[in-house]
Amino acid sequence: MSSDDTPAPPPVSLKDVPSRILAWVRREPLAAFLVFASAAVLIYFFSFYHVFVNGSQSTVEWAWRGWNEENDQQHCWLIPPIVAFLFWYHREELAAAVKAPTARGLAFVIAGVVMFVLAARCLQPRLAIVALPLLTYGTAEYLGGKAFARLFVFPCLLMLFMIPIGGLIQGTVTLQLLASNTVGALCGLLGIHVQILGTTINVDGHSFEVAGGCSGIRSLMAMTFLVALYAHFFLVKSWQQWTLFAGSVVFALIGNIARLFTVVLVAKWWNPEIAGGLYHDYSGYVFFIIAVLAMVGFSNLLSRDWESAGSQIAQKLSAPDTAAKSDDSARDEPKSTGPISYDY
């Protein structure tokens, strides 16, 4: 029997999970002990080990407080359940993957432990969050091998989005200057008089400050997170996924600059108070949706079969020539004449 005729394994349902886990524990007691021990250690150090903020918060508590409206990272609350869903979504692939434990996974585990120790010593909880995907992937590769751990790569990368940006906004001066200077250039092309002083835009005596949150870093984080999920589920080829992910950075920055530019237009031609208040607060949602739709359209372009489309266009372009040649050959052939009848 060929490999193509091999029946596919039956789908794994939630009812089968407890029995499968129990059977695996009986079959591989040492591996099961290592998994449960690793999970217990991770839960303790990340959830109950209070070392940050003068020993009052654990890593989970610190991250949870950082996912707030001020940082525009309320979507981070969804990342842990999304990661859990990804493991459930790929449950059949995880069950069917060849388990070949490799010691290389210990390198990632050691790197994660070192990262967490540095976080505790330097009081930098962001480093502790970086340690979580390293420990998760390292444990998966050590116990299951490369093929098994490959399914953990995307969920582990998605965990990095849980890092609260918080004070990182203070380091976005380059993005702020890019946004303000680009808005000034656009206004100059349209003949709109504005004055650009660093990150401040002066419009008819009214000043608009491009703050750290308006630099585009927040929309950039949310956009890249959504695009990463979209590419994982709807694009197959790696180059398409990475191209779409890189394009999300460009589209997020363009959308943010367009939003700031429209703020200047509203202030110039309508009302500066509305531009800096109501319009500024709610226009971000509109331009974010526009940027997301643009990314969906860009994804559609990436996923098209351009090779077959090009061949079809070539056939259509050559069709008139073929038709013209057939018409010419038809004119060159002698016309058959039938019997001539006369009416008397």
C-alpha atoms as a PDB file:
ATOM      1  CA  MET A   1       0.000   0.000   0.000  1.00  0.00           C
ATOM      2  CA  SER A   2       1.383   3.398  -0.944  1.00  0.00           C
ATOM      3  CA  SER A   3       1.738   6.246   1.483  1.00  0.00           C
ATOM      4  CA  ASP A   4      -1.086   8.112  -0.247  1.00  0.00           C
ATOM      5  CA  ASP A   5      -3.502   5.302   0.641  1.00  0.00           C
ATOM      6  CA  THR A   6      -2.687   5.470   4.344  1.00  0.00           C
ATOM      7  CA  PRO A   7      -5.838   6.500   6.204  1.00  0.00           C
ATOM      8  CA  ALA A   8      -5.661   9.792   8.063  1.00  0.00           C
ATOM      9  CA  PRO A   9      -5.663   9.584  11.845  1.00  0.00           C
ATOM     10  CA  PRO A  10      -9.041  10.260  13.439  1.00  0.00           C
ATOM     11  CA  PRO A  11      -9.544  13.823  14.726  1.00  0.00           C
ATOM     12  CA  VAL A  12      -8.759  14.455  18.348  1.00  0.00           C
ATOM     13  CA  SER A  13     -11.823  15.571  20.306  1.00  0.00           C
ATOM     14  CA  LEU A  14     -11.913  17.152  23.723  1.00  0.00           C
ATOM     15  CA  LYS A  15     -13.422  13.971  25.187  1.00  0.00           C
ATOM     16  CA  ASP A  16     -10.353  12.001  24.119  1.00  0.00           C
ATOM     17  CA  VAL A  17      -7.835  14.391  25.679  1.00  0.00           C
ATOM     18  CA  PRO A  18      -7.951  13.051  29.295  1.00  0.00           C
ATOM     19  CA  SER A  19      -7.653   9.434  28.171  1.00  0.00           C
ATOM     20  CA  ARG A  20      -4.804  10.266  25.803  1.00  0.00           C
ATOM     21  CA  ILE A  21      -2.959  12.145  28.534  1.00  0.00           C
ATOM     22  CA  LEU A  22      -3.420   9.266  30.962  1.00  0.00           C
ATOM     23  CA  ALA A  23      -2.198   6.745  28.401  1.00  0.00           C
ATOM     24  CA  TRP A  24       0.821   8.925  27.657  1.00  0.00           C
ATOM     25  CA  VAL A  25       1.649   9.220  31.380  1.00  0.00           C
ATOM     26  CA  ARG A  26       1.596   5.433  31.720  1.00  0.00           C
ATOM     27  CA  ARG A  27       3.690   4.977  28.601  1.00  0.00           C
ATOM     28  CA  GLU A  28       6.229   7.760  29.286  1.00  0.00           C
ATOM     29  CA  PRO A  29       6.291   8.388  33.048  1.00  0.00           C
ATOM     30  CA  LEU A  30       9.635  10.206  33.033  1.00  0.00           C
ATOM     31  CA  ALA A  31       8.628  12.568  30.234  1.00  0.00           C
ATOM     32  CA  ALA A  32       5.284  13.199  31.965  1.00  0.00           C
ATOM     33  CA  PHE A  33       7.047  14.014  35.224  1.00  0.00           C
ATOM     34  CA  LEU A  34       9.345  16.468  33.447  1.00  0.00           C
ATOM     35  CA  VAL A  35       6.406  18.156  31.722  1.00  0.00           C
ATOM     36  CA  PHE A  36       4.343  18.578  34.883  1.00  0.00           C
ATOM     37  CA  ALA A  37       7.386  19.637  36.907  1.00  0.00           C
ATOM     38  CA  SER A  38       8.332  22.216  34.277  1.00  0.00           C
ATOM     39  CA  ALA A  39       4.768  23.533  34.190  1.00  0.00           C
ATOM     40  CA  ALA A  40       4.684  23.812  37.991  1.00  0.00           C
ATOM     41  CA  VAL A  41       8.003  25.689  38.045  1.00  0.00           C
ATOM     42  CA  LEU A  42       6.841  28.082  35.332  1.00  0.00           C
ATOM     43  CA  ILE A  43       3.541  28.755  37.088  1.00  0.00           C
ATOM     44  CA  TYR A  44       5.264  29.419  40.405  1.00  0.00           C
ATOM     45  CA  PHE A  45       7.992  31.759  39.193  1.00  0.00           C
ATOM     46  CA  PHE A  46       5.815  33.673  36.752  1.00  0.00           C
ATOM     47  CA  SER A  47       2.642  33.880  38.854  1.00  0.00           C
ATOM     48  CA  PHE A  48       3.618  33.699  42.544  1.00  0.00           C
ATOM     49  CA  TYR A  49       7.256  34.795  42.763  1.00  0.00           C
ATOM     50  CA  HIS A  50       6.987  38.467  43.807  1.00  0.00           C
ATOM     51  CA  VAL A  51      10.216  40.194  42.879  1.00  0.00           C
ATOM     52  CA  PHE A  52       9.228  43.259  40.842  1.00  0.00           C
ATOM     53  CA  VAL A  53       8.028  46.677  42.026  1.00  0.00           C
ATOM     54  CA  ASN A  54       9.695  46.385  45.423  1.00  0.00           C
ATOM     55  CA  GLY A  55       8.716  42.751  45.762  1.00  0.00           C
ATOM     56  CA  SER A  56       4.988  43.420  45.442  1.00  0.00           C
ATOM     57  CA  GLN A  57       4.266  41.993  41.987  1.00  0.00           C
ATOM     58  CA  SER A  58       5.017  38.842  40.054  1.00  0.00           C
ATOM     59  CA  THR A  59       5.633  38.797  36.311  1.00  0.00           C
ATOM     60  CA  VAL A  60       1.995  38.021  35.541  1.00  0.00           C
ATOM     61  CA  GLU A  61       0.712  40.764  37.834  1.00  0.00           C
ATOM     62  CA  TRP A  62       3.114  43.333  36.387  1.00  0.00           C
ATOM     63  CA  ALA A  63       2.173  42.459  32.823  1.00  0.00           C
ATOM     64  CA  TRP A  64      -1.542  42.484  33.633  1.00  0.00           C
ATOM     65  CA  ARG A  65      -1.278  46.010  35.045  1.00  0.00           C
ATOM     66  CA  GLY A  66       0.632  47.107  31.939  1.00  0.00           C
ATOM     67  CA  TRP A  67      -2.124  45.984  29.579  1.00  0.00           C
ATOM     68  CA  ASN A  68      -4.107  49.149  30.170  1.00  0.00           C
ATOM     69  CA  GLU A  69      -5.810  51.891  28.208  1.00  0.00           C
ATOM     70  CA  GLU A  70      -2.906  54.285  28.703  1.00  0.00           C
ATOM     71  CA  ASN A  71      -0.632  51.977  26.707  1.00  0.00           C
ATOM     72  CA  ASP A  72      -3.427  51.021  24.264  1.00  0.00           C
ATOM     73  CA  GLN A  73      -2.628  47.368  24.912  1.00  0.00           C
ATOM     74  CA  GLN A  74      -5.955  46.052  26.115  1.00  0.00           C
ATOM     75  CA  HIS A  75      -5.747  43.492  23.291  1.00  0.00           C
ATOM     76  CA  CYS A  76      -2.875  41.782  25.143  1.00  0.00           C
ATOM     77  CA  TRP A  77      -5.422  40.223  27.497  1.00  0.00           C
ATOM     78  CA  LEU A  78      -6.466  38.042  24.564  1.00  0.00           C
ATOM     79  CA  ILE A  79      -2.984  36.676  23.840  1.00  0.00           C
ATOM     80  CA  PRO A  80      -2.892  33.884  26.488  1.00  0.00           C
ATOM     81  CA  PRO A  81      -6.260  32.403  25.397  1.00  0.00           C
ATOM     82  CA  ILE A  82      -5.252  32.819  21.733  1.00  0.00           C
ATOM     83  CA  VAL A  83      -2.023  30.913  22.382  1.00  0.00           C
ATOM     84  CA  ALA A  84      -4.026  28.173  24.114  1.00  0.00           C
ATOM     85  CA  PHE A  85      -6.417  28.093  21.140  1.00  0.00           C
ATOM     86  CA  LEU A  86      -3.488  27.698  18.730  1.00  0.00           C
ATOM     87  CA  PHE A  87      -2.308  24.602  20.583  1.00  0.00           C
ATOM     88  CA  TRP A  88      -5.852  23.216  20.470  1.00  0.00           C
ATOM     89  CA  TYR A  89      -6.199  24.162  16.792  1.00  0.00           C
ATOM     90  CA  HIS A  90      -3.036  22.207  15.923  1.00  0.00           C
ATOM     91  CA  ARG A  91      -3.845  19.332  18.287  1.00  0.00           C
ATOM     92  CA  GLU A  92      -3.989  16.761  15.490  1.00  0.00           C
ATOM     93  CA  GLU A  93      -0.620  17.855  14.113  1.00  0.00           C
ATOM     94  CA  LEU A  94       0.867  17.763  17.608  1.00  0.00           C
ATOM     95  CA  ALA A  95      -0.466  14.248  18.136  1.00  0.00           C
ATOM     96  CA  ALA A  96       0.756  13.049  14.730  1.00  0.00           C
ATOM     97  CA  ALA A  97       4.216  14.649  14.951  1.00  0.00           C
ATOM     98  CA  VAL A  98       7.131  12.254  15.306  1.00  0.00           C
ATOM     99  CA  LYS A  99       8.470  12.458  18.866  1.00  0.00           C
ATOM    100  CA  ALA A 100      12.271  12.380  18.821  1.00  0.00           C
ATOM    101  CA  PRO A 101      13.624  14.150  21.935  1.00  0.00           C
ATOM    102  CA  THR A 102      16.808  16.124  21.411  1.00  0.00           C
ATOM    103  CA  ALA A 103      19.210  17.675  23.877  1.00  0.00           C
ATOM    104  CA  ARG A 104      19.343  20.878  21.801  1.00  0.00           C
ATOM    105  CA  GLY A 105      16.190  22.005  23.545  1.00  0.00           C
ATOM    106  CA  LEU A 106      18.173  22.344  26.765  1.00  0.00           C
ATOM    107  CA  ALA A 107      20.044  25.282  25.190  1.00  0.00           C
ATOM    108  CA  PHE A 108      16.767  27.210  24.896  1.00  0.00           C
ATOM    109  CA  VAL A 109      15.762  26.186  28.411  1.00  0.00           C
ATOM    110  CA  ILE A 110      19.084  27.432  29.806  1.00  0.00           C
ATOM    111  CA  ALA A 111      18.723  30.676  27.838  1.00  0.00           C
ATOM    112  CA  GLY A 112      15.252  31.165  29.324  1.00  0.00           C
ATOM    113  CA  VAL A 113      16.488  30.508  32.854  1.00  0.00           C
ATOM    114  CA  VAL A 114      19.360  32.979  32.389  1.00  0.00           C
ATOM    115  CA  MET A 115      16.928  35.559  31.013  1.00  0.00           C
ATOM    116  CA  PHE A 116      14.625  35.194  34.011  1.00  0.00           C
ATOM    117  CA  VAL A 117      17.539  35.453  36.458  1.00  0.00           C
ATOM    118  CA  LEU A 118      18.687  38.633  34.713  1.00  0.00           C
ATOM    119  CA  ALA A 119      15.149  39.983  34.933  1.00  0.00           C
ATOM    120  CA  ALA A 120      15.055  39.314  38.687  1.00  0.00           C
ATOM    121  CA  ARG A 121      18.528  40.760  39.278  1.00  0.00           C
ATOM    122  CA  CYS A 122      18.024  43.830  37.068  1.00  0.00           C
ATOM    123  CA  LEU A 123      14.362  44.260  38.061  1.00  0.00           C
ATOM    124  CA  GLN A 124      13.325  44.227  34.411  1.00  0.00           C
ATOM    125  CA  PRO A 125      10.084  42.225  34.111  1.00  0.00           C
ATOM    126  CA  ARG A 126      10.120  42.564  30.327  1.00  0.00           C
ATOM    127  CA  LEU A 127      13.094  40.207  30.271  1.00  0.00           C
ATOM    128  CA  ALA A 128      11.056  37.724  32.302  1.00  0.00           C
ATOM    129  CA  ILE A 129       8.337  37.764  29.636  1.00  0.00           C
ATOM    130  CA  VAL A 130      10.981  37.137  26.971  1.00  0.00           C
ATOM    131  CA  ALA A 131      12.104  34.111  29.006  1.00  0.00           C
ATOM    132  CA  LEU A 132       8.645  32.496  28.783  1.00  0.00           C
ATOM    133  CA  PRO A 133       8.698  31.591  25.050  1.00  0.00           C
ATOM    134  CA  LEU A 134      12.317  30.420  25.356  1.00  0.00           C
ATOM    135  CA  LEU A 135      11.405  28.057  28.171  1.00  0.00           C
ATOM    136  CA  THR A 136       8.275  26.841  26.400  1.00  0.00           C
ATOM    137  CA  TYR A 137       9.976  26.122  23.096  1.00  0.00           C
ATOM    138  CA  GLY A 138      13.039  24.610  24.750  1.00  0.00           C
ATOM    139  CA  THR A 139      10.914  22.221  26.803  1.00  0.00           C
ATOM    140  CA  ALA A 140       8.938  21.190  23.708  1.00  0.00           C
ATOM    141  CA  GLU A 141      12.070  20.470  21.682  1.00  0.00           C
ATOM    142  CA  TYR A 142      13.820  18.645  24.527  1.00  0.00           C
ATOM    143  CA  LEU A 143      10.848  16.350  25.135  1.00  0.00           C
ATOM    144  CA  GLY A 144       9.368  16.081  21.642  1.00  0.00           C
ATOM    145  CA  GLY A 145      12.075  16.902  19.120  1.00  0.00           C
ATOM    146  CA  LYS A 146      12.346  19.389  16.266  1.00  0.00           C
ATOM    147  CA  ALA A 147       9.250  18.314  14.331  1.00  0.00           C
ATOM    148  CA  PHE A 148       7.117  18.538  17.463  1.00  0.00           C
ATOM    149  CA  ALA A 149       8.654  21.842  18.607  1.00  0.00           C
ATOM    150  CA  ARG A 150       8.196  23.412  15.183  1.00  0.00           C
ATOM    151  CA  LEU A 151       4.488  23.711  15.956  1.00  0.00           C
ATOM    152  CA  PHE A 152       5.403  25.779  19.027  1.00  0.00           C
ATOM    153  CA  VAL A 153       7.329  28.431  17.089  1.00  0.00           C
ATOM    154  CA  PHE A 154       4.429  30.709  16.162  1.00  0.00           C
ATOM    155  CA  PRO A 155       2.655  30.574  19.567  1.00  0.00           C
ATOM    156  CA  CYS A 156       5.987  31.326  21.273  1.00  0.00           C
ATOM    157  CA  LEU A 157       6.633  34.293  18.978  1.00  0.00           C
ATOM    158  CA  LEU A 158       3.102  35.500  19.667  1.00  0.00           C
ATOM    159  CA  MET A 159       3.929  35.561  23.395  1.00  0.00           C
ATOM    160  CA  LEU A 160       6.361  38.428  22.752  1.00  0.00           C
ATOM    161  CA  PHE A 161       3.378  40.683  22.054  1.00  0.00           C
ATOM    162  CA  MET A 162       2.503  40.377  25.749  1.00  0.00           C
ATOM    163  CA  ILE A 163       5.367  42.726  26.640  1.00  0.00           C
ATOM    164  CA  PRO A 164       3.842  46.055  27.794  1.00  0.00           C
ATOM    165  CA  ILE A 165       5.494  48.878  25.857  1.00  0.00           C
ATOM    166  CA  GLY A 166       4.913  51.414  28.655  1.00  0.00           C
ATOM    167  CA  GLY A 167       8.106  53.435  28.988  1.00  0.00           C
ATOM    168  CA  LEU A 168       9.260  52.318  25.538  1.00  0.00           C
ATOM    169  CA  ILE A 169       7.055  55.090  24.160  1.00  0.00           C
ATOM    170  CA  GLN A 170       9.682  57.521  25.445  1.00  0.00           C
ATOM    171  CA  GLY A 171      12.112  56.048  22.924  1.00  0.00           C
ATOM    172  CA  THR A 172       9.924  56.774  19.903  1.00  0.00           C
ATOM    173  CA  VAL A 173      11.356  60.223  19.161  1.00  0.00           C
ATOM    174  CA  THR A 174      12.465  59.054  15.719  1.00  0.00           C
ATOM    175  CA  LEU A 175       8.931  57.988  14.833  1.00  0.00           C
ATOM    176  CA  GLN A 176       7.549  61.255  16.207  1.00  0.00           C
ATOM    177  CA  LEU A 177       9.942  63.301  14.072  1.00  0.00           C
ATOM    178  CA  LEU A 178       9.149  61.153  11.029  1.00  0.00           C
ATOM    179  CA  ALA A 179       5.426  61.746  11.485  1.00  0.00           C
ATOM    180  CA  SER A 180       5.689  65.514  12.036  1.00  0.00           C
ATOM    181  CA  ASN A 181       8.154  66.080   9.176  1.00  0.00           C
ATOM    182  CA  THR A 182       6.092  64.001   6.769  1.00  0.00           C
ATOM    183  CA  VAL A 183       2.947  65.925   7.684  1.00  0.00           C
ATOM    184  CA  GLY A 184       4.857  69.164   7.126  1.00  0.00           C
ATOM    185  CA  ALA A 185       6.019  67.962   3.699  1.00  0.00           C
ATOM    186  CA  LEU A 186       2.470  66.991   2.696  1.00  0.00           C
ATOM    187  CA  CYS A 187       1.167  70.369   3.800  1.00  0.00           C
ATOM    188  CA  GLY A 188       3.899  72.069   1.774  1.00  0.00           C
ATOM    189  CA  LEU A 189       2.893  70.146  -1.369  1.00  0.00           C
ATOM    190  CA  LEU A 190      -0.720  71.321  -0.958  1.00  0.00           C
ATOM    191  CA  GLY A 191       0.243  74.891  -0.139  1.00  0.00           C
ATOM    192  CA  ILE A 192      -1.003  74.679   3.459  1.00  0.00           C
ATOM    193  CA  HIS A 193       1.049  76.893   5.733  1.00  0.00           C
ATOM    194  CA  VAL A 194       2.115  75.112   8.909  1.00  0.00           C
ATOM    195  CA  GLN A 195       5.162  75.459  11.124  1.00  0.00           C
ATOM    196  CA  ILE A 196       7.069  72.369  12.225  1.00  0.00           C
ATOM    197  CA  LEU A 197       9.149  72.713  15.383  1.00  0.00           C
ATOM    198  CA  GLY A 198      10.525  69.277  16.203  1.00  0.00           C
ATOM    199  CA  THR A 199       7.499  67.206  17.169  1.00  0.00           C
ATOM    200  CA  THR A 200       5.174  70.228  17.369  1.00  0.00           C
ATOM    201  CA  ILE A 201       2.913  71.278  14.490  1.00  0.00           C
ATOM    202  CA  ASN A 202       1.672  74.891  14.595  1.00  0.00           C
ATOM    203  CA  VAL A 203      -1.494  75.611  12.613  1.00  0.00           C
ATOM    204  CA  ASP A 204      -2.755  79.204  12.658  1.00  0.00           C
ATOM    205  CA  GLY A 205      -1.569  79.783  16.206  1.00  0.00           C
ATOM    206  CA  HIS A 206      -2.723  76.401  17.478  1.00  0.00           C
ATOM    207  CA  SER A 207      -0.073  73.862  18.479  1.00  0.00           C
ATOM    208  CA  PHE A 208      -0.429  70.106  18.095  1.00  0.00           C
ATOM    209  CA  GLU A 209       2.179  67.934  19.787  1.00  0.00           C
ATOM    210  CA  VAL A 210       3.036  64.586  18.221  1.00  0.00           C
ATOM    211  CA  ALA A 211       3.385  62.723  21.508  1.00  0.00           C
ATOM    212  CA  GLY A 212       4.899  59.297  21.997  1.00  0.00           C
ATOM    213  CA  GLY A 213       1.526  57.601  21.704  1.00  0.00           C
ATOM    214  CA  CYS A 214       0.842  59.447  18.440  1.00  0.00           C
ATOM    215  CA  SER A 215       4.118  58.281  16.927  1.00  0.00           C
ATOM    216  CA  GLY A 216       2.457  55.154  15.588  1.00  0.00           C
ATOM    217  CA  ILE A 217       4.028  52.678  18.005  1.00  0.00           C
ATOM    218  CA  ARG A 218       0.688  51.649  19.489  1.00  0.00           C
ATOM    219  CA  SER A 219      -1.073  51.093  16.178  1.00  0.00           C
ATOM    220  CA  LEU A 220       2.084  49.361  15.010  1.00  0.00           C
ATOM    221  CA  MET A 221       1.918  46.860  17.873  1.00  0.00           C
ATOM    222  CA  ALA A 222      -1.783  46.132  17.331  1.00  0.00           C
ATOM    223  CA  MET A 223      -1.427  45.941  13.540  1.00  0.00           C
ATOM    224  CA  THR A 224       1.513  43.537  13.577  1.00  0.00           C
ATOM    225  CA  PHE A 225      -0.315  41.342  16.110  1.00  0.00           C
ATOM    226  CA  LEU A 226      -3.420  41.064  13.934  1.00  0.00           C
ATOM    227  CA  VAL A 227      -1.413  40.553  10.755  1.00  0.00           C
ATOM    228  CA  ALA A 228       0.633  37.798  12.387  1.00  0.00           C
ATOM    229  CA  LEU A 229      -2.584  35.907  13.197  1.00  0.00           C
ATOM    230  CA  TYR A 230      -4.052  36.568   9.757  1.00  0.00           C
ATOM    231  CA  ALA A 231      -0.903  35.361   7.982  1.00  0.00           C
ATOM    232  CA  HIS A 232      -0.742  32.219  10.124  1.00  0.00           C
ATOM    233  CA  PHE A 233      -4.281  31.138   9.293  1.00  0.00           C
ATOM    234  CA  PHE A 234      -4.775  32.360   5.709  1.00  0.00           C
ATOM    235  CA  LEU A 235      -1.357  32.304   4.033  1.00  0.00           C
ATOM    236  CA  VAL A 236       0.549  29.110   3.349  1.00  0.00           C
ATOM    237  CA  LYS A 237       3.968  30.068   2.026  1.00  0.00           C
ATOM    238  CA  SER A 238       6.566  31.505   4.400  1.00  0.00           C
ATOM    239  CA  TRP A 239       7.610  34.309   2.057  1.00  0.00           C
ATOM    240  CA  GLN A 240       3.990  35.458   1.840  1.00  0.00           C
ATOM    241  CA  GLN A 241       3.643  35.488   5.625  1.00  0.00           C
ATOM    242  CA  TRP A 242       6.851  37.439   6.215  1.00  0.00           C
ATOM    243  CA  THR A 243       6.114  39.867   3.371  1.00  0.00           C
ATOM    244  CA  LEU A 244       2.672  40.589   4.805  1.00  0.00           C
ATOM    245  CA  PHE A 245       4.139  41.002   8.292  1.00  0.00           C
ATOM    246  CA  ALA A 246       6.763  43.452   7.017  1.00  0.00           C
ATOM    247  CA  GLY A 247       4.085  45.295   5.063  1.00  0.00           C
ATOM    248  CA  SER A 248       2.040  45.735   8.236  1.00  0.00           C
ATOM    249  CA  VAL A 249       4.790  47.978   9.619  1.00  0.00           C
ATOM    250  CA  VAL A 250       4.634  50.204   6.536  1.00  0.00           C
ATOM    251  CA  PHE A 251       0.822  50.344   6.468  1.00  0.00           C
ATOM    252  CA  ALA A 252       0.611  51.135  10.183  1.00  0.00           C
ATOM    253  CA  LEU A 253       3.030  54.052   9.833  1.00  0.00           C
ATOM    254  CA  ILE A 254       1.277  55.350   6.706  1.00  0.00           C
ATOM    255  CA  GLY A 255      -2.108  55.128   8.433  1.00  0.00           C
ATOM    256  CA  ASN A 256      -0.845  57.029  11.459  1.00  0.00           C
ATOM    257  CA  ILE A 257       0.710  59.791   9.296  1.00  0.00           C
ATOM    258  CA  ALA A 258      -2.529  60.067   7.297  1.00  0.00           C
ATOM    259  CA  ARG A 259      -4.455  60.448  10.551  1.00  0.00           C
ATOM    260  CA  LEU A 260      -2.167  63.250  11.772  1.00  0.00           C
ATOM    261  CA  PHE A 261      -2.426  64.950   8.402  1.00  0.00           C
ATOM    262  CA  THR A 262      -6.231  64.931   8.561  1.00  0.00           C
ATOM    263  CA  VAL A 263      -6.027  66.393  12.079  1.00  0.00           C
ATOM    264  CA  VAL A 264      -4.127  69.334  10.593  1.00  0.00           C
ATOM    265  CA  LEU A 265      -6.711  69.677   7.797  1.00  0.00           C
ATOM    266  CA  VAL A 266      -9.608  69.698  10.263  1.00  0.00           C
ATOM    267  CA  ALA A 267      -7.802  72.327  12.357  1.00  0.00           C
ATOM    268  CA  LYS A 268      -7.039  74.430   9.288  1.00  0.00           C
ATOM    269  CA  TRP A 269     -10.400  74.370   7.546  1.00  0.00           C
ATOM    270  CA  TRP A 270     -12.883  73.629  10.319  1.00  0.00           C
ATOM    271  CA  ASN A 271     -12.236  73.875  14.053  1.00  0.00           C
ATOM    272  CA  PRO A 272      -8.917  73.496  15.933  1.00  0.00           C
ATOM    273  CA  GLU A 273     -10.671  72.494  19.164  1.00  0.00           C
ATOM    274  CA  ILE A 274     -12.538  69.675  17.447  1.00  0.00           C
ATOM    275  CA  ALA A 275      -9.367  68.617  15.634  1.00  0.00           C
ATOM    276  CA  GLY A 276      -7.419  68.302  18.863  1.00  0.00           C
ATOM    277  CA  GLY A 277     -10.293  66.814  20.812  1.00  0.00           C
ATOM    278  CA  LEU A 278     -13.116  64.725  19.378  1.00  0.00           C
ATOM    279  CA  TYR A 279     -11.541  64.083  15.984  1.00  0.00           C
ATOM    280  CA  HIS A 280      -8.132  63.245  17.462  1.00  0.00           C
ATOM    281  CA  ASP A 281      -9.629  60.771  19.928  1.00  0.00           C
ATOM    282  CA  TYR A 282     -11.808  58.797  17.501  1.00  0.00           C
ATOM    283  CA  SER A 283     -10.130  59.120  14.100  1.00  0.00           C
ATOM    284  CA  GLY A 284      -7.528  56.562  15.127  1.00  0.00           C
ATOM    285  CA  TYR A 285     -10.143  53.782  15.057  1.00  0.00           C
ATOM    286  CA  VAL A 286     -11.233  54.757  11.531  1.00  0.00           C
ATOM    287  CA  PHE A 287      -7.720  54.825  10.112  1.00  0.00           C
ATOM    288  CA  PHE A 288      -6.819  51.597  11.894  1.00  0.00           C
ATOM    289  CA  ILE A 289      -9.752  49.837  10.194  1.00  0.00           C
ATOM    290  CA  ILE A 290      -8.667  51.320   6.855  1.00  0.00           C
ATOM    291  CA  ALA A 291      -5.126  50.046   7.413  1.00  0.00           C
ATOM    292  CA  VAL A 292      -6.431  46.567   8.282  1.00  0.00           C
ATOM    293  CA  LEU A 293      -8.560  46.480   5.106  1.00  0.00           C
ATOM    294  CA  ALA A 294      -5.522  47.591   3.103  1.00  0.00           C
ATOM    295  CA  MET A 295      -3.546  44.703   4.573  1.00  0.00           C
ATOM    296  CA  VAL A 296      -6.307  42.259   3.601  1.00  0.00           C
ATOM    297  CA  GLY A 297      -6.145  43.575   0.040  1.00  0.00           C
ATOM    298  CA  PHE A 298      -2.355  43.292   0.056  1.00  0.00           C
ATOM    299  CA  SER A 299      -2.675  39.707   1.284  1.00  0.00           C
ATOM    300  CA  ASN A 300      -5.042  38.969  -1.591  1.00  0.00           C
ATOM    301  CA  LEU A 301      -2.425  40.207  -4.039  1.00  0.00           C
ATOM    302  CA  LEU A 302       0.258  38.040  -2.438  1.00  0.00           C
ATOM    303  CA  SER A 303      -1.831  34.877  -2.495  1.00  0.00           C
ATOM    304  CA  ARG A 304      -2.831  35.108  -6.159  1.00  0.00           C
ATOM    305  CA  ASP A 305      -1.355  32.780  -8.751  1.00  0.00           C
ATOM    306  CA  TRP A 306       0.408  35.417 -10.816  1.00  0.00           C
ATOM    307  CA  GLU A 307       2.096  32.857 -13.060  1.00  0.00           C
ATOM    308  CA  SER A 308      -1.186  31.477 -14.382  1.00  0.00           C
ATOM    309  CA  ALA A 309      -2.641  34.985 -14.544  1.00  0.00           C
ATOM    310  CA  GLY A 310       0.311  36.105 -16.668  1.00  0.00           C
ATOM    311  CA  SER A 311      -0.130  33.177 -19.023  1.00  0.00           C
ATOM    312  CA  GLN A 312      -3.831  33.979 -19.397  1.00  0.00           C
ATOM    313  CA  ILE A 313      -3.033  37.608 -20.189  1.00  0.00           C
ATOM    314  CA  ALA A 314      -0.445  36.487 -22.739  1.00  0.00           C
ATOM    315  CA  GLN A 315      -3.022  34.233 -24.384  1.00  0.00           C
ATOM    316  CA  LYS A 316      -5.538  37.070 -24.547  1.00  0.00           C
ATOM    317  CA  LEU A 317      -2.961  39.413 -26.052  1.00  0.00           C
ATOM    318  CA  SER A 318      -2.013  36.853 -28.709  1.00  0.00           C
ATOM    319  CA  ALA A 319      -5.640  36.030 -29.500  1.00  0.00           C
ATOM    320  CA  PRO A 320      -6.252  39.116 -31.748  1.00  0.00           C
ATOM    321  CA  ASP A 321      -3.184  38.263 -33.831  1.00  0.00           C
ATOM    322  CA  THR A 322      -4.448  34.710 -34.301  1.00  0.00           C
ATOM    323  CA  ALA A 323      -7.873  35.992 -35.247  1.00  0.00           C
ATOM    324  CA  ALA A 324      -6.344  38.488 -37.689  1.00  0.00           C
ATOM    325  CA  LYS A 325      -4.276  35.756 -39.322  1.00  0.00           C
ATOM    326  CA  SER A 326      -7.312  33.555 -39.699  1.00  0.00           C
ATOM    327  CA  ASP A 327      -9.216  36.453 -41.299  1.00  0.00           C
ATOM    328  CA  ASP A 328      -6.348  37.100 -43.738  1.00  0.00           C
ATOM    329  CA  SER A 329      -6.155  33.430 -44.712  1.00  0.00           C
ATOM    330  CA  ALA A 330      -9.901  33.418 -45.211  1.00  0.00           C
ATOM    331  CA  ARG A 331      -9.651  36.395 -47.581  1.00  0.00           C
ATOM    332  CA  ASP A 332      -6.848  34.754 -49.557  1.00  0.00           C
ATOM    333  CA  GLU A 333      -8.834  31.553 -50.197  1.00  0.00           C
ATOM    334  CA  PRO A 334     -10.957  31.579 -53.384  1.00  0.00           C
ATOM    335  CA  LYS A 335     -14.598  31.944 -52.670  1.00  0.00           C
ATOM    336  CA  SER A 336     -16.831  29.131 -53.896  1.00  0.00           C
ATOM    337  CA  THR A 337     -19.640  30.248 -56.110  1.00  0.00           C
ATOM    338  CA  GLY A 338     -22.902  28.392 -56.347  1.00  0.00           C
ATOM    339  CA  PRO A 339     -25.245  28.079 -59.323  1.00  0.00           C
ATOM    340  CA  ILE A 340     -26.599  31.361 -60.628  1.00  0.00           C
ATOM    341  CA  SER A 341     -30.347  31.546 -61.066  1.00  0.00           C
ATOM    342  CA  TYR A 342     -32.153  34.005 -63.225  1.00  0.00           C
ATOM    343  CA  ASP A 343     -35.716  35.127 -63.040  1.00  0.00           C
ATOM    344  CA  TYR A 344     -37.495  35.579 -66.382  1.00  0.00           C
END
